[in-house]
Every structure is written in C-alpha cells, then in structure tokens.
N, C-alpha and C. Protein backbone atom coordinates (compact mmCIF):
# COMPACT_ATOMS: atom_id res chain seq x y z
N UNK A 1 0.80 -1.11 0.02
CA UNK A 1 0.05 0.00 0.00
C UNK A 1 0.77 1.24 -0.04
N UNK A 2 0.57 2.28 -0.81
CA UNK A 2 1.32 3.51 -0.73
C UNK A 2 0.24 4.66 -0.57
N UNK A 3 0.54 5.56 0.32
CA UNK A 3 -0.18 6.73 0.45
C UNK A 3 0.64 8.03 0.45
N UNK A 4 0.13 9.18 0.13
CA UNK A 4 0.81 10.45 0.27
C UNK A 4 0.39 11.13 1.50
N UNK A 5 1.56 11.69 2.28
CA UNK A 5 1.32 12.49 3.59
C UNK A 5 1.91 13.75 3.32
N UNK A 6 1.10 14.74 3.71
CA UNK A 6 1.75 16.14 3.65
C UNK A 6 1.67 16.91 5.02
N UNK A 7 2.84 17.29 5.44
CA UNK A 7 3.06 17.97 6.85
C UNK A 7 3.52 19.26 6.52
N UNK A 8 2.75 20.15 7.18
CA UNK A 8 3.27 21.69 7.28
C UNK A 8 4.23 21.88 8.22
N UNK A 9 4.47 21.02 9.09
CA UNK A 9 5.55 21.14 10.12
C UNK A 9 6.04 19.80 10.58
N UNK A 10 7.19 19.63 11.28
CA UNK A 10 7.62 18.50 11.67
C UNK A 10 8.32 18.72 13.08
N UNK A 11 8.87 17.70 13.82
CA UNK A 11 8.88 16.29 13.28
C UNK A 11 7.43 15.62 13.57
N UNK A 12 7.19 14.53 12.99
CA UNK A 12 6.10 13.79 13.19
C UNK A 12 6.47 12.18 13.21
N UNK A 13 5.54 11.41 13.79
CA UNK A 13 5.74 10.02 13.85
C UNK A 13 4.69 9.15 13.17
N UNK A 14 4.99 8.31 12.31
CA UNK A 14 4.05 7.41 11.68
C UNK A 14 4.13 6.09 12.23
N UNK A 15 2.99 5.64 12.86
CA UNK A 15 3.00 4.20 13.46
C UNK A 15 2.16 3.42 12.49
N UNK A 16 2.58 2.19 12.44
CA UNK A 16 1.61 1.16 11.50
C UNK A 16 1.53 -0.10 12.60
N UNK A 17 0.32 -0.33 12.74
CA UNK A 17 0.05 -1.39 13.71
C UNK A 17 -0.97 -2.31 13.35
N UNK A 18 -0.85 -3.58 13.83
CA UNK A 18 -1.75 -4.77 13.66
C UNK A 18 -2.35 -5.14 14.92
N UNK A 19 -3.69 -5.00 15.04
CA UNK A 19 -4.23 -5.32 16.45
C UNK A 19 -4.22 -6.79 16.61
N UNK A 20 -4.24 -7.63 15.77
CA UNK A 20 -4.33 -9.03 15.81
C UNK A 20 -2.76 -9.64 16.23
N UNK A 21 -1.90 -8.83 15.96
CA UNK A 21 -0.45 -9.27 16.38
C UNK A 21 0.09 -10.37 15.49
N UNK A 22 -0.45 -10.58 14.20
CA UNK A 22 -0.29 -11.67 13.44
C UNK A 22 0.86 -11.19 12.25
N UNK A 23 0.57 -9.73 11.92
CA UNK A 23 1.29 -9.31 10.68
C UNK A 23 2.62 -8.52 11.29
N UNK A 24 3.44 -8.22 10.37
CA UNK A 24 4.75 -7.59 10.62
C UNK A 24 4.95 -6.46 9.64
N UNK A 25 4.25 -5.37 9.90
CA UNK A 25 4.20 -4.22 9.00
C UNK A 25 5.64 -3.60 8.81
N UNK A 26 5.98 -3.24 7.63
CA UNK A 26 7.22 -2.53 7.39
C UNK A 26 6.76 -1.15 6.85
N UNK A 27 7.27 -0.03 7.31
CA UNK A 27 6.98 1.45 6.88
C UNK A 27 8.08 2.01 6.26
N UNK A 28 8.04 2.67 5.09
CA UNK A 28 9.15 3.39 4.39
C UNK A 28 8.57 4.68 4.06
N UNK A 29 9.28 5.75 4.24
CA UNK A 29 8.88 7.04 3.92
C UNK A 29 9.99 7.63 2.85
N UNK A 30 9.24 8.13 1.77
CA UNK A 30 10.13 8.63 0.60
C UNK A 30 9.76 10.17 0.46
N UNK A 31 10.98 11.05 0.22
CA UNK A 31 10.64 12.49 -0.01
C UNK A 31 10.00 12.69 -1.40
N UNK A 32 9.69 13.87 -1.71
CA UNK A 32 9.14 14.39 -2.98
C UNK A 32 9.95 13.89 -4.12
N UNK A 33 11.25 13.79 -4.07
CA UNK A 33 12.17 13.35 -5.12
C UNK A 33 12.28 11.67 -5.18
N UNK A 34 11.50 11.05 -4.44
CA UNK A 34 11.56 9.51 -4.33
C UNK A 34 12.66 9.02 -3.51
N UNK A 35 13.36 9.73 -2.76
CA UNK A 35 14.43 9.24 -1.98
C UNK A 35 13.95 8.66 -0.66
N UNK A 36 14.44 7.46 -0.23
CA UNK A 36 13.96 6.97 1.03
C UNK A 36 14.65 7.68 2.16
N UNK A 37 13.85 8.35 3.05
CA UNK A 37 14.38 9.15 4.22
C UNK A 37 14.25 8.41 5.52
N UNK A 38 13.27 7.52 5.65
CA UNK A 38 13.01 6.85 6.86
C UNK A 38 12.43 5.51 6.71
N UNK A 39 12.83 4.55 7.44
CA UNK A 39 12.17 3.10 7.22
C UNK A 39 12.23 2.49 8.62
N UNK A 40 11.35 1.56 8.94
CA UNK A 40 11.30 0.85 10.17
C UNK A 40 10.63 -0.45 9.98
N UNK A 41 11.03 -1.55 10.47
CA UNK A 41 10.43 -2.86 10.48
C UNK A 41 9.76 -3.04 11.81
N UNK A 42 10.48 -3.02 12.89
CA UNK A 42 9.96 -3.18 14.27
C UNK A 42 10.22 -1.85 14.95
N UNK A 43 9.34 -1.41 15.88
CA UNK A 43 9.29 -0.15 16.48
C UNK A 43 10.40 0.02 17.60
N UNK A 44 10.88 -1.14 17.97
CA UNK A 44 12.05 -0.94 18.94
C UNK A 44 11.75 -0.10 20.27
N UNK A 45 10.59 -0.36 20.80
CA UNK A 45 10.28 0.22 22.13
C UNK A 45 9.63 1.72 21.91
N UNK A 46 9.36 2.27 20.85
CA UNK A 46 8.75 3.60 20.66
C UNK A 46 7.57 3.89 21.57
N UNK A 47 6.79 2.90 21.54
CA UNK A 47 5.55 2.89 22.41
C UNK A 47 5.13 1.51 22.96
N UNK A 48 4.69 1.57 24.16
CA UNK A 48 4.44 0.27 24.85
C UNK A 48 3.04 -0.20 24.38
N UNK A 49 2.29 0.57 23.61
CA UNK A 49 0.99 0.15 23.16
C UNK A 49 1.10 -0.54 22.01
N UNK A 50 2.30 -0.67 21.27
CA UNK A 50 2.45 -1.30 19.99
C UNK A 50 2.90 -2.77 20.27
N UNK A 51 2.36 -3.67 19.30
CA UNK A 51 2.78 -4.97 19.32
C UNK A 51 4.35 -5.06 18.84
N UNK A 52 4.88 -6.18 19.32
CA UNK A 52 6.36 -6.28 19.00
C UNK A 52 6.82 -6.09 17.61
N UNK A 53 6.08 -6.54 16.70
CA UNK A 53 6.46 -6.37 15.22
C UNK A 53 5.87 -5.00 14.49
N UNK A 54 4.89 -4.35 15.18
CA UNK A 54 4.67 -2.98 14.59
C UNK A 54 5.62 -2.05 14.29
N UNK A 55 5.49 -1.07 13.37
CA UNK A 55 6.54 -0.22 13.08
C UNK A 55 6.25 1.18 13.39
N UNK A 56 7.32 2.02 13.57
CA UNK A 56 7.25 3.46 13.87
C UNK A 56 8.35 4.19 13.23
N UNK A 57 7.95 5.21 12.46
CA UNK A 57 8.90 6.03 11.68
C UNK A 57 8.87 7.41 12.19
N UNK A 58 9.95 8.07 12.40
CA UNK A 58 9.90 9.41 12.82
C UNK A 58 10.38 10.29 11.74
N UNK A 59 9.66 11.25 11.22
CA UNK A 59 10.14 12.12 10.12
C UNK A 59 10.30 13.53 10.79
N UNK A 60 11.62 13.97 10.47
CA UNK A 60 12.04 15.31 11.20
C UNK A 60 11.76 16.62 10.47
N UNK A 61 11.36 16.58 9.11
CA UNK A 61 11.14 17.82 8.52
C UNK A 61 9.70 17.91 7.80
N UNK A 62 9.16 19.03 7.39
CA UNK A 62 8.02 19.16 6.79
C UNK A 62 8.11 18.83 5.34
N UNK A 63 6.86 18.77 4.69
CA UNK A 63 6.90 18.53 3.35
C UNK A 63 5.95 17.52 2.82
N UNK A 64 6.09 17.07 1.68
CA UNK A 64 5.21 15.97 1.03
C UNK A 64 5.94 14.71 0.93
N UNK A 65 5.36 13.57 1.47
CA UNK A 65 6.09 12.25 1.51
C UNK A 65 5.03 11.23 1.04
N UNK A 66 5.69 10.27 0.42
CA UNK A 66 5.13 9.08 0.17
C UNK A 66 5.24 7.93 1.14
N UNK A 67 4.30 7.22 1.68
CA UNK A 67 4.48 6.26 2.66
C UNK A 67 4.18 5.09 2.12
N UNK A 68 5.02 4.13 2.15
CA UNK A 68 4.84 2.80 1.68
C UNK A 68 4.84 1.69 2.70
N UNK A 69 3.69 0.94 2.67
CA UNK A 69 3.49 -0.11 3.77
C UNK A 69 3.53 -1.37 3.23
N UNK A 70 4.43 -2.34 3.67
CA UNK A 70 4.27 -3.71 3.16
C UNK A 70 4.30 -4.59 4.47
N UNK A 71 4.35 -5.84 4.10
CA UNK A 71 4.32 -6.86 5.41
C UNK A 71 5.53 -7.57 5.16
N UNK A 72 6.39 -7.71 6.25
CA UNK A 72 7.70 -8.52 6.12
C UNK A 72 7.72 -9.70 5.36
N UNK A 73 6.69 -10.64 5.59
CA UNK A 73 6.55 -11.82 4.90
C UNK A 73 5.65 -11.77 3.61
N UNK A 74 5.19 -10.74 3.25
CA UNK A 74 4.32 -10.63 1.96
C UNK A 74 2.86 -11.04 2.29
N UNK A 75 2.41 -11.14 3.59
CA UNK A 75 1.10 -11.63 3.89
C UNK A 75 0.10 -10.26 3.72
N UNK A 76 -1.17 -10.58 3.59
CA UNK A 76 -2.15 -9.51 3.25
C UNK A 76 -2.91 -9.44 4.68
N UNK A 77 -3.47 -8.23 4.98
CA UNK A 77 -4.24 -7.98 6.00
C UNK A 77 -4.63 -6.57 6.35
N UNK A 78 -5.00 -6.23 7.50
CA UNK A 78 -5.41 -4.92 7.80
C UNK A 78 -4.48 -4.28 8.80
N UNK A 79 -4.10 -2.92 8.61
CA UNK A 79 -3.15 -2.53 9.74
C UNK A 79 -3.83 -1.11 9.95
N UNK A 80 -3.53 -0.43 11.06
CA UNK A 80 -3.90 0.78 11.45
C UNK A 80 -2.63 1.76 11.21
N UNK A 81 -3.04 3.05 10.62
CA UNK A 81 -1.87 3.88 10.30
C UNK A 81 -2.25 5.17 10.96
N UNK A 82 -1.33 5.75 11.66
CA UNK A 82 -1.48 6.89 12.64
C UNK A 82 -0.28 7.93 12.31
N UNK A 83 -0.70 9.02 11.99
CA UNK A 83 0.23 10.12 11.91
C UNK A 83 0.13 11.18 12.94
N UNK A 84 1.22 11.47 13.66
CA UNK A 84 0.95 12.30 14.69
C UNK A 84 2.23 13.30 14.94
N UNK A 85 1.85 14.63 14.99
CA UNK A 85 2.95 15.54 15.39
C UNK A 85 3.60 15.25 16.68
N UNK A 86 4.90 15.29 16.69
CA UNK A 86 5.63 15.20 17.99
C UNK A 86 5.59 16.33 18.85
C-alpha cells in the first residue's frame, strides 16, 4: 500500500500497527524526489501500546512524502496507520 502524506511542520511520527499481532508491517517514507528518508520494520520500544512487530517511523522535516507499507513476509491483512505531530 502506498499513500501520500503532507505535513506543514515536523517532526512527526507514523505508526503502523496490527491489532491481531499476526502481521509484521514495514513502513518506508520517501521524500518528494523519491529518496528513502526513513524506514522501520519493528518499532524498538517507541510505544508500549504497539505489538512487538509493529513499526514506527519518525520524520524530522515538513513537506510531502509517500508512505509505503508492506508486510515483512508478504502477507495480506488490515493495519492501522497513525500520523501524529511530536
């Protein structure tokens, strides 16, 4: 899945979570030129509310970005995507 995100200010955090705990989402953020600027497979303790395999990406600047979400093993399913200013 790929979606566009536009932020007037930063930094902000994008979290991708799976309530069932069965999926391992991967989040990648690309700038307007298509350059990968941030990526995360597992959140590494960003939030205690996230499952072990959920992802969290912190973007430090404002602008227009493309967010690409995949699943580590290529499985399909539903995930929750949240974008929040820090």
